[in-house]
Amino acid sequence: EMTPEEKRRSYQMIEDNYYQEKRRINQQQQHVSAEIQRFRQQTNQLVGKVAYFTRNDTWDKRMFHHQIATSLDEVKRTENRFVLILEETEQAMRKNYRKEIEKLEEMARMDL
């Protein structure tokens, strides 16, 4: 038999864990976005430098720009995949959270 105090503590624990995990996931998302942003800026700076240093050359710049664009696309796909994984993780957590709460409520009903 659970006392009201134990019940309250159990709810609190489940909720605290849930929000802690949620925060961790959001931090990961922000971290990934920041890293991707930094990578893009560095890539653009690099493209700018290459353009500047080779402005008098007659090499085929199209290939270079194509490769850069391809690698940026790949990074974007990786980012999307990662965001998807985090979203799925968050959904699973929410489901688990609800299940835990339901279990507690079931126990509470049995106590009545």
PDB file of N, CA and C in Angstrom:
ATOM      1  N   GLU A   1       0.852  -1.212   0.000  1.00  0.00           N
ATOM      2  CA  GLU A   1       0.000   0.000   0.000  1.00  0.00           C
ATOM      3  C   GLU A   1       0.878   1.248   0.000  1.00  0.00           C
ATOM      4  N   MET A   2       0.586   2.184  -0.903  1.00  0.00           N
ATOM      5  CA  MET A   2       1.375   3.420  -0.993  1.00  0.00           C
ATOM      6  C   MET A   2       0.725   4.549  -0.214  1.00  0.00           C
ATOM      7  N   THR A   3       1.528   5.230   0.542  1.00  0.00           N
ATOM      8  CA  THR A   3       0.995   6.418   1.222  1.00  0.00           C
ATOM      9  C   THR A   3       0.911   7.545   0.200  1.00  0.00           C
ATOM     10  N   PRO A   4       0.060   8.547   0.446  1.00  0.00           N
ATOM     11  CA  PRO A   4      -0.024   9.690  -0.489  1.00  0.00           C
ATOM     12  C   PRO A   4       1.348  10.323  -0.729  1.00  0.00           C
ATOM     13  N   GLU A   5       2.176  10.340   0.318  1.00  0.00           N
ATOM     14  CA  GLU A   5       3.506  10.942   0.205  1.00  0.00           C
ATOM     15  C   GLU A   5       4.383  10.125  -0.745  1.00  0.00           C
ATOM     16  N   GLU A   6       4.340   8.811  -0.615  1.00  0.00           N
ATOM     17  CA  GLU A   6       5.119   7.931  -1.497  1.00  0.00           C
ATOM     18  C   GLU A   6       4.651   8.089  -2.947  1.00  0.00           C
ATOM     19  N   LYS A   7       3.342   8.193  -3.092  1.00  0.00           N
ATOM     20  CA  LYS A   7       2.755   8.358  -4.419  1.00  0.00           C
ATOM     21  C   LYS A   7       3.269   9.642  -5.062  1.00  0.00           C
ATOM     22  N   ARG A   8       3.212  10.701  -4.257  1.00  0.00           N
ATOM     23  CA  ARG A   8       3.636  12.010  -4.747  1.00  0.00           C
ATOM     24  C   ARG A   8       5.111  11.959  -5.151  1.00  0.00           C
ATOM     25  N   ARG A   9       5.914  11.297  -4.310  1.00  0.00           N
ATOM     26  CA  ARG A   9       7.350  11.187  -4.606  1.00  0.00           C
ATOM     27  C   ARG A   9       7.594  10.395  -5.884  1.00  0.00           C
ATOM     28  N   SER A  10       6.807   9.337  -6.076  1.00  0.00           N
ATOM     29  CA  SER A  10       6.948   8.515  -7.280  1.00  0.00           C
ATOM     30  C   SER A  10       6.637   9.330  -8.530  1.00  0.00           C
ATOM     31  N   TYR A  11       5.518  10.064  -8.490  1.00  0.00           N
ATOM     32  CA  TYR A  11       5.159  10.935  -9.616  1.00  0.00           C
ATOM     33  C   TYR A  11       6.289  11.906  -9.898  1.00  0.00           C
ATOM     34  N   GLN A  12       6.807  12.502  -8.831  1.00  0.00           N
ATOM     35  CA  GLN A  12       7.855  13.520  -8.939  1.00  0.00           C
ATOM     36  C   GLN A  12       9.085  12.933  -9.612  1.00  0.00           C
ATOM     37  N   MET A  13       9.456  11.715  -9.199  1.00  0.00           N
ATOM     38  CA  MET A  13      10.643  11.071  -9.745  1.00  0.00           C
ATOM     39  C   MET A  13      10.489  10.794 -11.242  1.00  0.00           C
ATOM     40  N   ILE A  14       9.321  10.241 -11.579  1.00  0.00           N
ATOM     41  CA  ILE A  14       9.056   9.922 -12.990  1.00  0.00           C
ATOM     42  C   ILE A  14       9.126  11.202 -13.822  1.00  0.00           C
ATOM     43  N   GLU A  15       8.509  12.259 -13.293  1.00  0.00           N
ATOM     44  CA  GLU A  15       8.466  13.522 -14.023  1.00  0.00           C
ATOM     45  C   GLU A  15       9.859  14.126 -14.155  1.00  0.00           C
ATOM     46  N   ASP A  16      10.611  14.121 -13.054  1.00  0.00           N
ATOM     47  CA  ASP A  16      11.970  14.673 -13.075  1.00  0.00           C
ATOM     48  C   ASP A  16      12.840  13.962 -14.106  1.00  0.00           C
ATOM     49  N   ASN A  17      12.773  12.627 -14.101  1.00  0.00           N
ATOM     50  CA  ASN A  17      13.566  11.845 -15.063  1.00  0.00           C
ATOM     51  C   ASN A  17      13.191  12.199 -16.486  1.00  0.00           C
ATOM     52  N   TYR A  18      11.883  12.292 -16.706  1.00  0.00           N
ATOM     53  CA  TYR A  18      11.389  12.591 -18.051  1.00  0.00           C
ATOM     54  C   TYR A  18      11.935  13.931 -18.536  1.00  0.00           C
ATOM     55  N   TYR A  19      11.806  14.956 -17.702  1.00  0.00           N
ATOM     56  CA  TYR A  19      12.237  16.293 -18.143  1.00  0.00           C
ATOM     57  C   TYR A  19      13.751  16.408 -18.256  1.00  0.00           C
ATOM     58  N   GLN A  20      14.446  15.650 -17.432  1.00  0.00           N
ATOM     59  CA  GLN A  20      15.907  15.633 -17.511  1.00  0.00           C
ATOM     60  C   GLN A  20      16.345  15.058 -18.863  1.00  0.00           C
ATOM     61  N   GLU A  21      15.741  13.935 -19.233  1.00  0.00           N
ATOM     62  CA  GLU A  21      16.045  13.306 -20.526  1.00  0.00           C
ATOM     63  C   GLU A  21      15.683  14.239 -21.678  1.00  0.00           C
ATOM     64  N   LYS A  22      14.515  14.873 -21.552  1.00  0.00           N
ATOM     65  CA  LYS A  22      14.040  15.781 -22.595  1.00  0.00           C
ATOM     66  C   LYS A  22      15.045  16.921 -22.799  1.00  0.00           C
ATOM     67  N   ARG A  23      15.521  17.466 -21.677  1.00  0.00           N
ATOM     68  CA  ARG A  23      16.515  18.542 -21.737  1.00  0.00           C
ATOM     69  C   ARG A  23      17.786  18.071 -22.423  1.00  0.00           C
ATOM     70  N   ARG A  24      18.198  16.831 -22.071  1.00  0.00           N
ATOM     71  CA  ARG A  24      19.428  16.275 -22.647  1.00  0.00           C
ATOM     72  C   ARG A  24      19.292  16.163 -24.166  1.00  0.00           C
ATOM     73  N   ILE A  25      18.126  15.697 -24.609  1.00  0.00           N
ATOM     74  CA  ILE A  25      17.887  15.547 -26.046  1.00  0.00           C
ATOM     75  C   ILE A  25      17.893  16.910 -26.734  1.00  0.00           C
ATOM     76  N   ASN A  26      17.230  17.893 -26.122  1.00  0.00           N
ATOM     77  CA  ASN A  26      17.204  19.239 -26.708  1.00  0.00           C
ATOM     78  C   ASN A  26      18.602  19.837 -26.786  1.00  0.00           C
ATOM     79  N   GLN A  27      19.416  19.587 -25.756  1.00  0.00           N
ATOM     80  CA  GLN A  27      20.801  20.079 -25.774  1.00  0.00           C
ATOM     81  C   GLN A  27      21.577  19.443 -26.912  1.00  0.00           C
ATOM     82  N   GLN A  28      21.356  18.132 -27.116  1.00  0.00           N
ATOM     83  CA  GLN A  28      22.037  17.441 -28.221  1.00  0.00           C
ATOM     84  C   GLN A  28      21.629  18.056 -29.554  1.00  0.00           C
ATOM     85  N   GLN A  29      20.324  18.342 -29.701  1.00  0.00           N
ATOM     86  CA  GLN A  29      19.838  18.933 -30.947  1.00  0.00           C
ATOM     87  C   GLN A  29      20.506  20.287 -31.190  1.00  0.00           C
ATOM     88  N   GLN A  30      20.570  21.105 -30.138  1.00  0.00           N
ATOM     89  CA  GLN A  30      21.196  22.422 -30.265  1.00  0.00           C
ATOM     90  C   GLN A  30      22.672  22.299 -30.608  1.00  0.00           C
ATOM     91  N   HIS A  31      23.326  21.329 -29.975  1.00  0.00           N
ATOM     92  CA  HIS A  31      24.751  21.111 -30.207  1.00  0.00           C
ATOM     93  C   HIS A  31      24.999  20.720 -31.668  1.00  0.00           C
ATOM     94  N   VAL A  32      24.195  19.804 -32.175  1.00  0.00           N
ATOM     95  CA  VAL A  32      24.343  19.364 -33.562  1.00  0.00           C
ATOM     96  C   VAL A  32      24.109  20.537 -34.513  1.00  0.00           C
ATOM     97  N   SER A  33      23.050  21.305 -34.274  1.00  0.00           N
ATOM     98  CA  SER A  33      22.762  22.459 -35.131  1.00  0.00           C
ATOM     99  C   SER A  33      23.919  23.452 -35.147  1.00  0.00           C
ATOM    100  N   ALA A  34      24.480  23.713 -33.974  1.00  0.00           N
ATOM    101  CA  ALA A  34      25.600  24.649 -33.871  1.00  0.00           C
ATOM    102  C   ALA A  34      26.816  24.133 -34.638  1.00  0.00           C
ATOM    103  N   GLU A  35      27.093  22.833 -34.498  1.00  0.00           N
ATOM    104  CA  GLU A  35      28.225  22.223 -35.204  1.00  0.00           C
ATOM    105  C   GLU A  35      28.032  22.322 -36.719  1.00  0.00           C
ATOM    106  N   ILE A  36      26.832  22.014 -37.186  1.00  0.00           N
ATOM    107  CA  ILE A  36      26.530  22.063 -38.616  1.00  0.00           C
ATOM    108  C   ILE A  36      26.702  23.494 -39.121  1.00  0.00           C
ATOM    109  N   GLN A  37      26.187  24.446 -38.345  1.00  0.00           N
ATOM    110  CA  GLN A  37      26.291  25.866 -38.693  1.00  0.00           C
ATOM    111  C   GLN A  37      27.760  26.249 -38.856  1.00  0.00           C
ATOM    112  N   ARG A  38      28.580  25.820 -37.893  1.00  0.00           N
ATOM    113  CA  ARG A  38      30.011  26.132 -37.905  1.00  0.00           C
ATOM    114  C   ARG A  38      30.676  25.516 -39.141  1.00  0.00           C
ATOM    115  N   PHE A  39      30.325  24.274 -39.424  1.00  0.00           N
ATOM    116  CA  PHE A  39      30.874  23.584 -40.589  1.00  0.00           C
ATOM    117  C   PHE A  39      30.539  24.340 -41.877  1.00  0.00           C
ATOM    118  N   ARG A  40      29.280  24.789 -41.974  1.00  0.00           N
ATOM    119  CA  ARG A  40      28.855  25.535 -43.174  1.00  0.00           C
ATOM    120  C   ARG A  40      29.644  26.831 -43.332  1.00  0.00           C
ATOM    121  N   GLN A  41      29.805  27.545 -42.214  1.00  0.00           N
ATOM    122  CA  GLN A  41      30.562  28.804 -42.263  1.00  0.00           C
ATOM    123  C   GLN A  41      32.001  28.549 -42.701  1.00  0.00           C
ATOM    124  N   GLN A  42      32.616  27.527 -42.115  1.00  0.00           N
ATOM    125  CA  GLN A  42      34.005  27.199 -42.465  1.00  0.00           C
ATOM    126  C   GLN A  42      34.105  26.808 -43.936  1.00  0.00           C
ATOM    127  N   THR A  43      33.131  26.044 -44.401  1.00  0.00           N
ATOM    128  CA  THR A  43      33.133  25.622 -45.808  1.00  0.00           C
ATOM    129  C   THR A  43      33.014  26.849 -46.718  1.00  0.00           C
ATOM    130  N   ASN A  44      32.112  27.754 -46.374  1.00  0.00           N
ATOM    131  CA  ASN A  44      31.940  28.966 -47.179  1.00  0.00           C
ATOM    132  C   ASN A  44      33.200  29.824 -47.186  1.00  0.00           C
ATOM    133  N   GLN A  45      33.863  29.916 -46.029  1.00  0.00           N
ATOM    134  CA  GLN A  45      35.124  30.664 -45.958  1.00  0.00           C
ATOM    135  C   GLN A  45      36.170  30.019 -46.859  1.00  0.00           C
ATOM    136  N   LEU A  46      36.212  28.683 -46.807  1.00  0.00           N
ATOM    137  CA  LEU A  46      37.162  27.941 -47.630  1.00  0.00           C
ATOM    138  C   LEU A  46      36.892  28.191 -49.114  1.00  0.00           C
ATOM    139  N   VAL A  47      35.626  28.121 -49.496  1.00  0.00           N
ATOM    140  CA  VAL A  47      35.247  28.362 -50.895  1.00  0.00           C
ATOM    141  C   VAL A  47      35.681  29.770 -51.305  1.00  0.00           C
ATOM    142  N   GLY A  48      35.443  30.720 -50.421  1.00  0.00           N
ATOM    143  CA  GLY A  48      35.851  32.102 -50.684  1.00  0.00           C
ATOM    144  C   GLY A  48      37.352  32.232 -50.889  1.00  0.00           C
ATOM    145  N   LYS A  49      38.132  31.575 -50.018  1.00  0.00           N
ATOM    146  CA  LYS A  49      39.596  31.626 -50.116  1.00  0.00           C
ATOM    147  C   LYS A  49      40.071  31.002 -51.425  1.00  0.00           C
ATOM    148  N   VAL A  50      39.511  29.814 -51.743  1.00  0.00           N
ATOM    149  CA  VAL A  50      39.900  29.137 -52.976  1.00  0.00           C
ATOM    150  C   VAL A  50      39.601  30.047 -54.171  1.00  0.00           C
ATOM    151  N   ALA A  51      38.424  30.646 -54.169  1.00  0.00           N
ATOM    152  CA  ALA A  51      38.041  31.548 -55.261  1.00  0.00           C
ATOM    153  C   ALA A  51      39.028  32.709 -55.351  1.00  0.00           C
ATOM    154  N   TYR A  52      39.414  33.263 -54.203  1.00  0.00           N
ATOM    155  CA  TYR A  52      40.333  34.405 -54.184  1.00  0.00           C
ATOM    156  C   TYR A  52      41.723  34.015 -54.684  1.00  0.00           C
ATOM    157  N   PHE A  53      42.256  32.926 -54.165  1.00  0.00           N
ATOM    158  CA  PHE A  53      43.620  32.525 -54.516  1.00  0.00           C
ATOM    159  C   PHE A  53      43.736  31.976 -55.933  1.00  0.00           C
ATOM    160  N   THR A  54      42.620  31.567 -56.519  1.00  0.00           N
ATOM    161  CA  THR A  54      42.691  30.980 -57.862  1.00  0.00           C
ATOM    162  C   THR A  54      41.989  31.865 -58.885  1.00  0.00           C
ATOM    163  N   ARG A  55      41.776  33.132 -58.530  1.00  0.00           N
ATOM    164  CA  ARG A  55      40.986  34.007 -59.408  1.00  0.00           C
ATOM    165  C   ARG A  55      41.614  34.180 -60.792  1.00  0.00           C
ATOM    166  N   ASN A  56      42.935  34.005 -60.914  1.00  0.00           N
ATOM    167  CA  ASN A  56      43.575  34.175 -62.219  1.00  0.00           C
ATOM    168  C   ASN A  56      43.848  32.855 -62.925  1.00  0.00           C
ATOM    169  N   ASP A  57      43.479  31.766 -62.268  1.00  0.00           N
ATOM    170  CA  ASP A  57      43.744  30.451 -62.864  1.00  0.00           C
ATOM    171  C   ASP A  57      42.631  30.091 -63.836  1.00  0.00           C
ATOM    172  N   THR A  58      42.929  29.122 -64.693  1.00  0.00           N
ATOM    173  CA  THR A  58      41.937  28.743 -65.702  1.00  0.00           C
ATOM    174  C   THR A  58      41.358  27.353 -65.446  1.00  0.00           C
ATOM    175  N   TRP A  59      41.571  26.834 -64.226  1.00  0.00           N
ATOM    176  CA  TRP A  59      41.056  25.500 -63.920  1.00  0.00           C
ATOM    177  C   TRP A  59      39.533  25.507 -63.897  1.00  0.00           C
ATOM    178  N   ASP A  60      38.963  24.320 -63.988  1.00  0.00           N
ATOM    179  CA  ASP A  60      37.513  24.178 -64.022  1.00  0.00           C
ATOM    180  C   ASP A  60      36.944  24.257 -62.605  1.00  0.00           C
ATOM    181  N   LYS A  61      36.396  25.392 -62.271  1.00  0.00           N
ATOM    182  CA  LYS A  61      35.892  25.615 -60.915  1.00  0.00           C
ATOM    183  C   LYS A  61      34.564  24.897 -60.679  1.00  0.00           C
ATOM    184  N   ARG A  62      33.906  24.533 -61.766  1.00  0.00           N
ATOM    185  CA  ARG A  62      32.589  23.885 -61.613  1.00  0.00           C
ATOM    186  C   ARG A  62      32.682  22.601 -60.808  1.00  0.00           C
ATOM    187  N   MET A  63      33.717  21.818 -61.082  1.00  0.00           N
ATOM    188  CA  MET A  63      33.909  20.538 -60.396  1.00  0.00           C
ATOM    189  C   MET A  63      34.073  20.786 -58.899  1.00  0.00           C
ATOM    190  N   PHE A  64      34.870  21.769 -58.571  1.00  0.00           N
ATOM    191  CA  PHE A  64      35.122  22.107 -57.166  1.00  0.00           C
ATOM    192  C   PHE A  64      33.814  22.498 -56.470  1.00  0.00           C
ATOM    193  N   HIS A  65      33.059  23.380 -57.100  1.00  0.00           N
ATOM    194  CA  HIS A  65      31.798  23.833 -56.509  1.00  0.00           C
ATOM    195  C   HIS A  65      30.793  22.686 -56.390  1.00  0.00           C
ATOM    196  N   HIS A  66      30.838  21.806 -57.371  1.00  0.00           N
ATOM    197  CA  HIS A  66      29.960  20.637 -57.343  1.00  0.00           C
ATOM    198  C   HIS A  66      30.295  19.748 -56.141  1.00  0.00           C
ATOM    199  N   GLN A  67      31.600  19.534 -55.919  1.00  0.00           N
ATOM    200  CA  GLN A  67      32.036  18.694 -54.798  1.00  0.00           C
ATOM    201  C   GLN A  67      31.641  19.312 -53.461  1.00  0.00           C
ATOM    202  N   ILE A  68      31.816  20.632 -53.366  1.00  0.00           N
ATOM    203  CA  ILE A  68      31.443  21.332 -52.127  1.00  0.00           C
ATOM    204  C   ILE A  68      29.941  21.180 -51.885  1.00  0.00           C
ATOM    205  N   ALA A  69      29.151  21.415 -52.928  1.00  0.00           N
ATOM    206  CA  ALA A  69      27.697  21.314 -52.809  1.00  0.00           C
ATOM    207  C   ALA A  69      27.290  19.905 -52.386  1.00  0.00           C
ATOM    208  N   THR A  70      27.954  18.905 -52.979  1.00  0.00           N
ATOM    209  CA  THR A  70      27.665  17.513 -52.651  1.00  0.00           C
ATOM    210  C   THR A  70      27.964  17.240 -51.183  1.00  0.00           C
ATOM    211  N   SER A  71      29.085  17.734 -50.701  1.00  0.00           N
ATOM    212  CA  SER A  71      29.440  17.467 -49.305  1.00  0.00           C
ATOM    213  C   SER A  71      28.495  18.204 -48.358  1.00  0.00           C
ATOM    214  N   LEU A  72      28.038  19.390 -48.730  1.00  0.00           N
ATOM    215  CA  LEU A  72      27.064  20.113 -47.906  1.00  0.00           C
ATOM    216  C   LEU A  72      25.728  19.365 -47.870  1.00  0.00           C
ATOM    217  N   ASP A  73      25.348  18.791 -48.998  1.00  0.00           N
ATOM    218  CA  ASP A  73      24.120  17.984 -49.060  1.00  0.00           C
ATOM    219  C   ASP A  73      24.228  16.776 -48.128  1.00  0.00           C
ATOM    220  N   GLU A  74      25.390  16.144 -48.162  1.00  0.00           N
ATOM    221  CA  GLU A  74      25.626  14.960 -47.320  1.00  0.00           C
ATOM    222  C   GLU A  74      25.504  15.339 -45.840  1.00  0.00           C
ATOM    223  N   VAL A  75      26.073  16.488 -45.485  1.00  0.00           N
ATOM    224  CA  VAL A  75      25.999  16.974 -44.106  1.00  0.00           C
ATOM    225  C   VAL A  75      24.543  17.230 -43.722  1.00  0.00           C
ATOM    226  N   LYS A  76      23.796  17.813 -44.642  1.00  0.00           N
ATOM    227  CA  LYS A  76      22.376  18.103 -44.384  1.00  0.00           C
ATOM    228  C   LYS A  76      21.611  16.800 -44.141  1.00  0.00           C
ATOM    229  N   ARG A  77      21.886  15.794 -44.957  1.00  0.00           N
ATOM    230  CA  ARG A  77      21.213  14.498 -44.790  1.00  0.00           C
ATOM    231  C   ARG A  77      21.549  13.878 -43.436  1.00  0.00           C
ATOM    232  N   THR A  78      22.817  13.968 -43.058  1.00  0.00           N
ATOM    233  CA  THR A  78      23.264  13.441 -41.766  1.00  0.00           C
ATOM    234  C   THR A  78      22.546  14.155 -40.634  1.00  0.00           C
ATOM    235  N   GLU A  79      22.451  15.481 -40.762  1.00  0.00           N
ATOM    236  CA  GLU A  79      21.763  16.279 -39.747  1.00  0.00           C
ATOM    237  C   GLU A  79      20.300  15.836 -39.634  1.00  0.00           C
ATOM    238  N   ASN A  80      19.630  15.681 -40.770  1.00  0.00           N
ATOM    239  CA  ASN A  80      18.226  15.259 -40.778  1.00  0.00           C
ATOM    240  C   ASN A  80      18.048  13.904 -40.107  1.00  0.00           C
ATOM    241  N   ARG A  81      18.970  12.974 -40.430  1.00  0.00           N
ATOM    242  CA  ARG A  81      18.915  11.643 -39.823  1.00  0.00           C
ATOM    243  C   ARG A  81      19.029  11.744 -38.305  1.00  0.00           C
ATOM    244  N   PHE A  82      19.984  12.558 -37.871  1.00  0.00           N
ATOM    245  CA  PHE A  82      20.237  12.696 -36.443  1.00  0.00           C
ATOM    246  C   PHE A  82      19.027  13.311 -35.739  1.00  0.00           C
ATOM    247  N   VAL A  83      18.458  14.344 -36.337  1.00  0.00           N
ATOM    248  CA  VAL A  83      17.280  14.999 -35.767  1.00  0.00           C
ATOM    249  C   VAL A  83      16.130  13.993 -35.657  1.00  0.00           C
ATOM    250  N   LEU A  84      15.978  13.163 -36.688  1.00  0.00           N
ATOM    251  CA  LEU A  84      14.930  12.147 -36.699  1.00  0.00           C
ATOM    252  C   LEU A  84      15.124  11.155 -35.542  1.00  0.00           C
ATOM    253  N   ILE A  85      16.357  10.709 -35.348  1.00  0.00           N
ATOM    254  CA  ILE A  85      16.658   9.771 -34.267  1.00  0.00           C
ATOM    255  C   ILE A  85      16.306  10.393 -32.921  1.00  0.00           C
ATOM    256  N   LEU A  86      16.668  11.671 -32.744  1.00  0.00           N
ATOM    257  CA  LEU A  86      16.365  12.352 -31.483  1.00  0.00           C
ATOM    258  C   LEU A  86      14.861  12.487 -31.286  1.00  0.00           C
ATOM    259  N   GLU A  87      14.145  12.790 -32.369  1.00  0.00           N
ATOM    260  CA  GLU A  87      12.684  12.922 -32.269  1.00  0.00           C
ATOM    261  C   GLU A  87      12.047  11.588 -31.906  1.00  0.00           C
ATOM    262  N   GLU A  88      12.537  10.512 -32.515  1.00  0.00           N
ATOM    263  CA  GLU A  88      12.009   9.182 -32.213  1.00  0.00           C
ATOM    264  C   GLU A  88      12.300   8.811 -30.755  1.00  0.00           C
ATOM    265  N   THR A  89      13.486   9.172 -30.293  1.00  0.00           N
ATOM    266  CA  THR A  89      13.864   8.914 -28.902  1.00  0.00           C
ATOM    267  C   THR A  89      12.912   9.645 -27.964  1.00  0.00           C
ATOM    268  N   GLU A  90      12.610  10.882 -28.313  1.00  0.00           N
ATOM    269  CA  GLU A  90      11.725  11.695 -27.484  1.00  0.00           C
ATOM    270  C   GLU A  90      10.316  11.095 -27.447  1.00  0.00           C
ATOM    271  N   GLN A  91       9.839  10.610 -28.588  1.00  0.00           N
ATOM    272  CA  GLN A  91       8.516   9.973 -28.651  1.00  0.00           C
ATOM    273  C   GLN A  91       8.476   8.731 -27.765  1.00  0.00           C
ATOM    274  N   ALA A  92       9.522   7.921 -27.855  1.00  0.00           N
ATOM    275  CA  ALA A  92       9.601   6.703 -27.049  1.00  0.00           C
ATOM    276  C   ALA A  92       9.586   7.060 -25.561  1.00  0.00           C
ATOM    277  N   MET A  93      10.317   8.117 -25.209  1.00  0.00           N
ATOM    278  CA  MET A  93      10.360   8.575 -23.825  1.00  0.00           C
ATOM    279  C   MET A  93       8.987   9.006 -23.348  1.00  0.00           C
ATOM    280  N   ARG A  94       8.276   9.760 -24.192  1.00  0.00           N
ATOM    281  CA  ARG A  94       6.936  10.235 -23.841  1.00  0.00           C
ATOM    282  C   ARG A  94       6.003   9.058 -23.579  1.00  0.00           C
ATOM    283  N   LYS A  95       6.089   8.062 -24.468  1.00  0.00           N
ATOM    284  CA  LYS A  95       5.242   6.868 -24.342  1.00  0.00           C
ATOM    285  C   LYS A  95       5.551   6.168 -23.008  1.00  0.00           C
ATOM    286  N   ASN A  96       6.835   6.031 -22.731  1.00  0.00           N
ATOM    287  CA  ASN A  96       7.288   5.386 -21.511  1.00  0.00           C
ATOM    288  C   ASN A  96       6.816   6.154 -20.276  1.00  0.00           C
ATOM    289  N   TYR A  97       6.912   7.465 -20.366  1.00  0.00           N
ATOM    290  CA  TYR A  97       6.484   8.357 -19.285  1.00  0.00           C
ATOM    291  C   TYR A  97       5.002   8.136 -18.984  1.00  0.00           C
ATOM    292  N   ARG A  98       4.190   8.121 -20.037  1.00  0.00           N
ATOM    293  CA  ARG A  98       2.749   7.914 -19.867  1.00  0.00           C
ATOM    294  C   ARG A  98       2.457   6.549 -19.248  1.00  0.00           C
ATOM    295  N   LYS A  99       3.221   5.531 -19.694  1.00  0.00           N
ATOM    296  CA  LYS A  99       3.042   4.175 -19.173  1.00  0.00           C
ATOM    297  C   LYS A  99       3.335   4.140 -17.670  1.00  0.00           C
ATOM    298  N   GLU A 100       4.426   4.803 -17.278  1.00  0.00           N
ATOM    299  CA  GLU A 100       4.822   4.836 -15.864  1.00  0.00           C
ATOM    300  C   GLU A 100       3.735   5.511 -15.030  1.00  0.00           C
ATOM    301  N   ILE A 101       3.207   6.617 -15.550  1.00  0.00           N
ATOM    302  CA  ILE A 101       2.155   7.359 -14.840  1.00  0.00           C
ATOM    303  C   ILE A 101       0.906   6.479 -14.699  1.00  0.00           C
ATOM    304  N   GLU A 102       0.563   5.779 -15.789  1.00  0.00           N
ATOM    305  CA  GLU A 102      -0.606   4.893 -15.752  1.00  0.00           C
ATOM    306  C   GLU A 102      -0.427   3.788 -14.725  1.00  0.00           C
ATOM    307  N   LYS A 103       0.789   3.250 -14.657  1.00  0.00           N
ATOM    308  CA  LYS A 103       1.090   2.192 -13.694  1.00  0.00           C
ATOM    309  C   LYS A 103       0.863   2.708 -12.266  1.00  0.00           C
ATOM    310  N   LEU A 104       1.352   3.931 -12.036  1.00  0.00           N
ATOM    311  CA  LEU A 104       1.182   4.549 -10.714  1.00  0.00           C
ATOM    312  C   LEU A 104      -0.296   4.720 -10.393  1.00  0.00           C
ATOM    313  N   GLU A 105      -1.053   5.212 -11.387  1.00  0.00           N
ATOM    314  CA  GLU A 105      -2.478   5.452 -11.168  1.00  0.00           C
ATOM    315  C   GLU A 105      -3.206   4.140 -10.896  1.00  0.00           C
ATOM    316  N   GLU A 106      -2.768   3.090 -11.595  1.00  0.00           N
ATOM    317  CA  GLU A 106      -3.343   1.758 -11.391  1.00  0.00           C
ATOM    318  C   GLU A 106      -3.103   1.319  -9.945  1.00  0.00           C
ATOM    319  N   MET A 107      -1.877   1.536  -9.468  1.00  0.00           N
ATOM    320  CA  MET A 107      -1.537   1.175  -8.090  1.00  0.00           C
ATOM    321  C   MET A 107      -2.381   1.981  -7.105  1.00  0.00           C
ATOM    322  N   ALA A 108      -2.563   3.256  -7.452  1.00  0.00           N
ATOM    323  CA  ALA A 108      -3.339   4.142  -6.584  1.00  0.00           C
ATOM    324  C   ALA A 108      -4.792   3.647  -6.494  1.00  0.00           C
ATOM    325  N   ARG A 109      -5.344   3.199  -7.628  1.00  0.00           N
ATOM    326  CA  ARG A 109      -6.710   2.692  -7.653  1.00  0.00           C
ATOM    327  C   ARG A 109      -6.840   1.432  -6.799  1.00  0.00           C
ATOM    328  N   MET A 110      -5.807   0.600  -6.849  1.00  0.00           N
ATOM    329  CA  MET A 110      -5.837  -0.635  -6.070  1.00  0.00           C
ATOM    330  C   MET A 110      -5.816  -0.343  -4.578  1.00  0.00           C
ATOM    331  N   ASP A 111      -5.244   0.795  -4.208  1.00  0.00           N
ATOM    332  CA  ASP A 111      -5.162   1.191  -2.802  1.00  0.00           C
ATOM    333  C   ASP A 111      -6.501   1.658  -2.256  1.00  0.00           C
ATOM    334  N   LEU A 112      -7.408   2.087  -3.167  1.00  0.00           N
ATOM    335  CA  LEU A 112      -8.692   2.658  -2.700  1.00  0.00           C
ATOM    336  C   LEU A 112      -9.543   1.600  -2.010  1.00  0.00           C
TER     337      LEU A 112
END
